[in-house]
Amino acid sequence: MAPAIREAIEKAKASLRYLPKYSPDLNPIELPYSKFKTFLRKVAARTVPDLTRAIRSFIPQLRPSECANYFAHAGYGFKMNGIRFSSGKATIERQQAGFAQARLNLPYTQIRATETSSVANKTVGACNYVQPGQTLFSIAPDTFHITTNFKETQLSDVRPDQRAMIWVDVFPGLRLD
């Protein structure tokens, strides 16, 4: 930052605060912006004049103490009108606890196949959120087994692990062995 800008800020008796590396949980604009988007959806303004009126009616809803709480939640400590807003230590500890829990949950996100197989019908991609019980993909085994139903009189020459030739009615001319 240019020294002249810093001096102008200090001369105005304002303080300069740098934002931490981006995180939605530690950014003070995220919560009020979410509230603003919800308000705009509810109002459903479809013209520029209606949108302008909606925005003007929203701004007074953001009270200074509420805004101060957004900053405190994001980890910034300060005084306003003689009231001390926390430094966000509890927020940071809560984030650290959440991170520790995520590390504990990580092994549960790994999927291990019991046999060699291929993924089919994949419905999820990288960075998608999923719900418990949601089908993410199907697994198609690379080998297959055929269940047959023979009569006892047909089993005299059949042995375990014996190779066989198979014809499938729906694929005439295709022979599998």
C-alpha atoms as a PDB file:
ATOM      1  CA  MET A   1       0.000   0.000   0.000  1.00  0.00           C
ATOM      2  CA  ALA A   2       1.242   3.463  -0.854  1.00  0.00           C
ATOM      3  CA  PRO A   3       2.473   5.459   2.176  1.00  0.00           C
ATOM      4  CA  ALA A   4       0.212   8.386   1.222  1.00  0.00           C
ATOM      5  CA  ILE A   5      -2.875   6.187   1.484  1.00  0.00           C
ATOM      6  CA  ARG A   6      -1.805   4.856   4.875  1.00  0.00           C
ATOM      7  CA  GLU A   7      -1.168   8.405   6.128  1.00  0.00           C
ATOM      8  CA  ALA A   8      -4.587   9.573   4.897  1.00  0.00           C
ATOM      9  CA  ILE A   9      -6.275   6.698   6.732  1.00  0.00           C
ATOM     10  CA  GLU A  10      -4.387   7.414   9.960  1.00  0.00           C
ATOM     11  CA  LYS A  11      -5.022  11.169   9.644  1.00  0.00           C
ATOM     12  CA  ALA A  12      -8.761  10.447   9.481  1.00  0.00           C
ATOM     13  CA  LYS A  13      -8.326   8.494  12.769  1.00  0.00           C
ATOM     14  CA  ALA A  14      -9.425   5.319  11.027  1.00  0.00           C
ATOM     15  CA  SER A  15      -7.676   1.997  11.318  1.00  0.00           C
ATOM     16  CA  LEU A  16      -6.424  -0.182   8.541  1.00  0.00           C
ATOM     17  CA  ARG A  17      -7.364  -3.840   8.805  1.00  0.00           C
ATOM     18  CA  TYR A  18      -6.266  -6.492   6.365  1.00  0.00           C
ATOM     19  CA  LEU A  19      -8.575  -9.374   5.574  1.00  0.00           C
ATOM     20  CA  PRO A  20      -7.250 -12.864   6.261  1.00  0.00           C
ATOM     21  CA  LYS A  21      -6.877 -15.361   3.443  1.00  0.00           C
ATOM     22  CA  TYR A  22     -10.317 -15.853   1.958  1.00  0.00           C
ATOM     23  CA  SER A  23     -12.711 -18.099   3.794  1.00  0.00           C
ATOM     24  CA  PRO A  24     -16.498 -17.635   3.673  1.00  0.00           C
ATOM     25  CA  ASP A  25     -16.595 -18.320   7.409  1.00  0.00           C
ATOM     26  CA  LEU A  26     -14.049 -15.603   8.190  1.00  0.00           C
ATOM     27  CA  ASN A  27     -15.246 -12.934   5.761  1.00  0.00           C
ATOM     28  CA  PRO A  28     -17.538 -10.366   7.386  1.00  0.00           C
ATOM     29  CA  ILE A  29     -19.410  -9.617   4.129  1.00  0.00           C
ATOM     30  CA  GLU A  30     -20.737 -13.152   3.588  1.00  0.00           C
ATOM     31  CA  LEU A  31     -23.495 -13.167   6.232  1.00  0.00           C
ATOM     32  CA  PRO A  32     -25.027  -9.771   5.395  1.00  0.00           C
ATOM     33  CA  TYR A  33     -24.743 -10.526   1.681  1.00  0.00           C
ATOM     34  CA  SER A  34     -26.606 -13.787   2.199  1.00  0.00           C
ATOM     35  CA  LYS A  35     -29.306 -11.873   4.090  1.00  0.00           C
ATOM     36  CA  PHE A  36     -29.446  -9.321   1.241  1.00  0.00           C
ATOM     37  CA  LYS A  37     -29.855 -12.027  -1.438  1.00  0.00           C
ATOM     38  CA  THR A  38     -32.646 -13.679   0.571  1.00  0.00           C
ATOM     39  CA  PHE A  39     -34.381 -10.296   0.886  1.00  0.00           C
ATOM     40  CA  LEU A  40     -34.129  -9.652  -2.873  1.00  0.00           C
ATOM     41  CA  ARG A  41     -35.574 -13.079  -3.684  1.00  0.00           C
ATOM     42  CA  LYS A  42     -38.476 -12.426  -1.324  1.00  0.00           C
ATOM     43  CA  VAL A  43     -39.187  -8.959  -2.766  1.00  0.00           C
ATOM     44  CA  ALA A  44     -38.934 -10.292  -6.365  1.00  0.00           C
ATOM     45  CA  ALA A  45     -38.284  -6.859  -7.893  1.00  0.00           C
ATOM     46  CA  ARG A  46     -38.311  -7.190 -11.681  1.00  0.00           C
ATOM     47  CA  THR A  47     -37.645  -3.622 -12.806  1.00  0.00           C
ATOM     48  CA  VAL A  48     -34.788  -1.220 -12.094  1.00  0.00           C
ATOM     49  CA  PRO A  49     -37.003   1.234 -10.139  1.00  0.00           C
ATOM     50  CA  ASP A  50     -38.464  -1.613  -8.045  1.00  0.00           C
ATOM     51  CA  LEU A  51     -34.979  -2.985  -7.417  1.00  0.00           C
ATOM     52  CA  THR A  52     -33.717   0.458  -6.382  1.00  0.00           C
ATOM     53  CA  ARG A  53     -36.615   0.848  -3.910  1.00  0.00           C
ATOM     54  CA  ALA A  54     -35.973  -2.645  -2.555  1.00  0.00           C
ATOM     55  CA  ILE A  55     -32.282  -1.927  -1.965  1.00  0.00           C
ATOM     56  CA  ARG A  56     -33.102   1.377  -0.260  1.00  0.00           C
ATOM     57  CA  SER A  57     -35.581  -0.352   2.027  1.00  0.00           C
ATOM     58  CA  PHE A  58     -33.047  -3.073   2.905  1.00  0.00           C
ATOM     59  CA  ILE A  59     -30.170  -0.818   3.985  1.00  0.00           C
ATOM     60  CA  PRO A  60     -31.877   0.490   7.183  1.00  0.00           C
ATOM     61  CA  GLN A  61     -32.453  -3.115   8.245  1.00  0.00           C
ATOM     62  CA  LEU A  62     -28.687  -3.534   8.793  1.00  0.00           C
ATOM     63  CA  ARG A  63     -28.199  -2.137  12.279  1.00  0.00           C
ATOM     64  CA  PRO A  64     -24.675  -1.034  13.309  1.00  0.00           C
ATOM     65  CA  SER A  65     -24.622  -3.592  16.153  1.00  0.00           C
ATOM     66  CA  GLU A  66     -25.563  -6.367  13.720  1.00  0.00           C
ATOM     67  CA  CYS A  67     -22.738  -5.314  11.386  1.00  0.00           C
ATOM     68  CA  ALA A  68     -20.354  -5.238  14.345  1.00  0.00           C
ATOM     69  CA  ASN A  69     -21.387  -8.802  15.176  1.00  0.00           C
ATOM     70  CA  TYR A  70     -20.578  -9.871  11.613  1.00  0.00           C
ATOM     71  CA  PHE A  71     -17.061  -8.492  12.069  1.00  0.00           C
ATOM     72  CA  ALA A  72     -16.707 -10.084  15.511  1.00  0.00           C
ATOM     73  CA  HIS A  73     -17.882 -13.420  14.078  1.00  0.00           C
ATOM     74  CA  ALA A  74     -15.183 -13.138  11.412  1.00  0.00           C
ATOM     75  CA  GLY A  75     -12.473 -12.657  14.051  1.00  0.00           C
ATOM     76  CA  TYR A  76     -12.058  -8.882  14.153  1.00  0.00           C
ATOM     77  CA  GLY A  77     -12.061  -7.329  17.628  1.00  0.00           C
ATOM     78  CA  PHE A  78     -12.909  -3.645  18.165  1.00  0.00           C
ATOM     79  CA  LYS A  79     -14.890  -1.138  20.204  1.00  0.00           C
ATOM     80  CA  MET A  80     -17.985   0.644  18.968  1.00  0.00           C
ATOM     81  CA  ASN A  81     -19.878   3.191  21.073  1.00  0.00           C
ATOM     82  CA  GLY A  82     -17.948   1.972  24.116  1.00  0.00           C
ATOM     83  CA  ILE A  83     -18.997  -1.656  23.549  1.00  0.00           C
ATOM     84  CA  ARG A  84     -16.197  -4.182  23.154  1.00  0.00           C
ATOM     85  CA  PHE A  85     -16.861  -6.730  20.442  1.00  0.00           C
ATOM     86  CA  SER A  86     -14.984  -9.985  20.847  1.00  0.00           C
ATOM     87  CA  SER A  87     -11.888 -10.768  18.877  1.00  0.00           C
ATOM     88  CA  GLY A  88     -13.538 -13.800  17.456  1.00  0.00           C
ATOM     89  CA  LYS A  89     -11.440 -16.228  19.486  1.00  0.00           C
ATOM     90  CA  ALA A  90     -14.491 -18.442  19.928  1.00  0.00           C
ATOM     91  CA  THR A  91     -15.079 -18.350  16.169  1.00  0.00           C
ATOM     92  CA  ILE A  92     -11.504 -19.378  15.482  1.00  0.00           C
ATOM     93  CA  GLU A  93     -11.716 -22.186  18.056  1.00  0.00           C
ATOM     94  CA  ARG A  94     -15.002 -23.331  16.504  1.00  0.00           C
ATOM     95  CA  GLN A  95     -13.366 -23.340  13.047  1.00  0.00           C
ATOM     96  CA  GLN A  96     -10.398 -25.318  14.397  1.00  0.00           C
ATOM     97  CA  ALA A  97     -12.754 -27.850  15.997  1.00  0.00           C
ATOM     98  CA  GLY A  98     -14.625 -28.170  12.700  1.00  0.00           C
ATOM     99  CA  PHE A  99     -11.337 -28.733  10.882  1.00  0.00           C
ATOM    100  CA  ALA A 100     -10.322 -31.408  13.393  1.00  0.00           C
ATOM    101  CA  GLN A 101     -13.701 -33.123  12.913  1.00  0.00           C
ATOM    102  CA  ALA A 102     -13.279 -32.987   9.127  1.00  0.00           C
ATOM    103  CA  ARG A 103      -9.897 -34.715   9.480  1.00  0.00           C
ATOM    104  CA  LEU A 104     -11.536 -37.430  11.597  1.00  0.00           C
ATOM    105  CA  ASN A 105     -14.286 -37.873   8.988  1.00  0.00           C
ATOM    106  CA  LEU A 106     -11.887 -38.033   6.034  1.00  0.00           C
ATOM    107  CA  PRO A 107     -11.334 -41.828   6.155  1.00  0.00           C
ATOM    108  CA  TYR A 108     -15.120 -42.285   5.851  1.00  0.00           C
ATOM    109  CA  THR A 109     -15.027 -40.531   2.480  1.00  0.00           C
ATOM    110  CA  GLN A 110     -12.807 -43.182   0.929  1.00  0.00           C
ATOM    111  CA  ILE A 111     -14.509 -45.900  -1.062  1.00  0.00           C
ATOM    112  CA  ARG A 112     -12.739 -49.227  -1.387  1.00  0.00           C
ATOM    113  CA  ALA A 113     -13.828 -51.875  -3.859  1.00  0.00           C
ATOM    114  CA  THR A 114     -13.870 -55.502  -2.735  1.00  0.00           C
ATOM    115  CA  GLU A 115     -12.931 -56.683  -6.217  1.00  0.00           C
ATOM    116  CA  THR A 116     -11.609 -55.340  -9.493  1.00  0.00           C
ATOM    117  CA  SER A 117     -14.427 -53.395 -11.081  1.00  0.00           C
ATOM    118  CA  SER A 118     -15.369 -50.369 -13.171  1.00  0.00           C
ATOM    119  CA  VAL A 119     -17.422 -47.300 -12.243  1.00  0.00           C
ATOM    120  CA  ALA A 120     -20.679 -46.876 -14.148  1.00  0.00           C
ATOM    121  CA  ASN A 121     -23.558 -44.369 -13.973  1.00  0.00           C
ATOM    122  CA  LYS A 122     -21.457 -41.748 -12.163  1.00  0.00           C
ATOM    123  CA  THR A 123     -23.691 -38.906 -10.909  1.00  0.00           C
ATOM    124  CA  VAL A 124     -21.175 -36.924  -8.843  1.00  0.00           C
ATOM    125  CA  GLY A 125     -18.140 -34.817  -9.650  1.00  0.00           C
ATOM    126  CA  ALA A 126     -15.274 -33.178  -7.810  1.00  0.00           C
ATOM    127  CA  CYS A 127     -16.309 -30.646  -5.157  1.00  0.00           C
ATOM    128  CA  ASN A 128     -19.993 -31.674  -5.241  1.00  0.00           C
ATOM    129  CA  TYR A 129     -21.871 -31.853  -1.960  1.00  0.00           C
ATOM    130  CA  VAL A 130     -23.552 -35.190  -1.305  1.00  0.00           C
ATOM    131  CA  GLN A 131     -26.152 -36.410   1.165  1.00  0.00           C
ATOM    132  CA  PRO A 132     -26.054 -39.613   3.232  1.00  0.00           C
ATOM    133  CA  GLY A 133     -27.616 -42.420   1.261  1.00  0.00           C
ATOM    134  CA  GLN A 134     -27.299 -40.619  -2.083  1.00  0.00           C
ATOM    135  CA  THR A 135     -26.321 -42.891  -4.973  1.00  0.00           C
ATOM    136  CA  LEU A 136     -23.043 -41.612  -6.389  1.00  0.00           C
ATOM    137  CA  PHE A 137     -22.266 -44.319  -8.931  1.00  0.00           C
ATOM    138  CA  SER A 138     -22.723 -47.976  -9.737  1.00  0.00           C
ATOM    139  CA  ILE A 139     -19.945 -50.539  -9.708  1.00  0.00           C
ATOM    140  CA  ALA A 140     -19.736 -53.019 -12.573  1.00  0.00           C
ATOM    141  CA  PRO A 141     -17.463 -55.978 -11.810  1.00  0.00           C
ATOM    142  CA  ASP A 142     -14.810 -56.741 -14.429  1.00  0.00           C
ATOM    143  CA  THR A 143     -15.565 -60.450 -14.045  1.00  0.00           C
ATOM    144  CA  PHE A 144     -18.960 -62.030 -14.040  1.00  0.00           C
ATOM    145  CA  HIS A 145     -20.488 -65.192 -12.705  1.00  0.00           C
ATOM    146  CA  ILE A 146     -23.338 -67.082 -14.209  1.00  0.00           C
ATOM    147  CA  THR A 147     -25.881 -68.839 -12.107  1.00  0.00           C
ATOM    148  CA  THR A 148     -27.339 -71.854 -13.862  1.00  0.00           C
ATOM    149  CA  ASN A 149     -30.098 -74.297 -13.091  1.00  0.00           C
ATOM    150  CA  PHE A 150     -29.273 -77.843 -14.199  1.00  0.00           C
ATOM    151  CA  LYS A 151     -31.190 -81.033 -13.660  1.00  0.00           C
ATOM    152  CA  GLU A 152     -29.334 -83.727 -11.689  1.00  0.00           C
ATOM    153  CA  THR A 153     -29.170 -85.933 -14.762  1.00  0.00           C
ATOM    154  CA  GLN A 154     -27.178 -83.193 -16.595  1.00  0.00           C
ATOM    155  CA  LEU A 155     -24.433 -82.917 -13.955  1.00  0.00           C
ATOM    156  CA  SER A 156     -22.549 -86.170 -14.549  1.00  0.00           C
ATOM    157  CA  ASP A 157     -19.752 -84.502 -16.602  1.00  0.00           C
ATOM    158  CA  VAL A 158     -19.678 -81.078 -14.842  1.00  0.00           C
ATOM    159  CA  ARG A 159     -16.652 -80.303 -12.605  1.00  0.00           C
ATOM    160  CA  PRO A 160     -15.802 -77.253 -10.404  1.00  0.00           C
ATOM    161  CA  ASP A 161     -13.894 -74.499 -12.291  1.00  0.00           C
ATOM    162  CA  GLN A 162     -14.512 -76.247 -15.598  1.00  0.00           C
ATOM    163  CA  ARG A 163     -14.451 -73.894 -18.616  1.00  0.00           C
ATOM    164  CA  ALA A 164     -17.677 -73.545 -20.556  1.00  0.00           C
ATOM    165  CA  MET A 165     -18.907 -72.015 -23.792  1.00  0.00           C
ATOM    166  CA  ILE A 166     -21.903 -69.701 -23.405  1.00  0.00           C
ATOM    167  CA  TRP A 167     -24.446 -68.522 -25.972  1.00  0.00           C
ATOM    168  CA  VAL A 168     -26.686 -65.599 -25.084  1.00  0.00           C
ATOM    169  CA  ASP A 169     -30.081 -65.557 -26.811  1.00  0.00           C
ATOM    170  CA  VAL A 170     -30.249 -61.766 -27.121  1.00  0.00           C
ATOM    171  CA  PHE A 171     -26.857 -61.661 -28.900  1.00  0.00           C
ATOM    172  CA  PRO A 172     -27.052 -64.238 -31.691  1.00  0.00           C
ATOM    173  CA  GLY A 173     -23.636 -65.264 -32.969  1.00  0.00           C
ATOM    174  CA  LEU A 174     -21.810 -64.058 -29.829  1.00  0.00           C
ATOM    175  CA  ARG A 175     -20.003 -66.840 -27.978  1.00  0.00           C
ATOM    176  CA  LEU A 176     -18.317 -66.323 -24.613  1.00  0.00           C
ATOM    177  CA  ASP A 177     -15.775 -68.731 -23.163  1.00  0.00           C
END
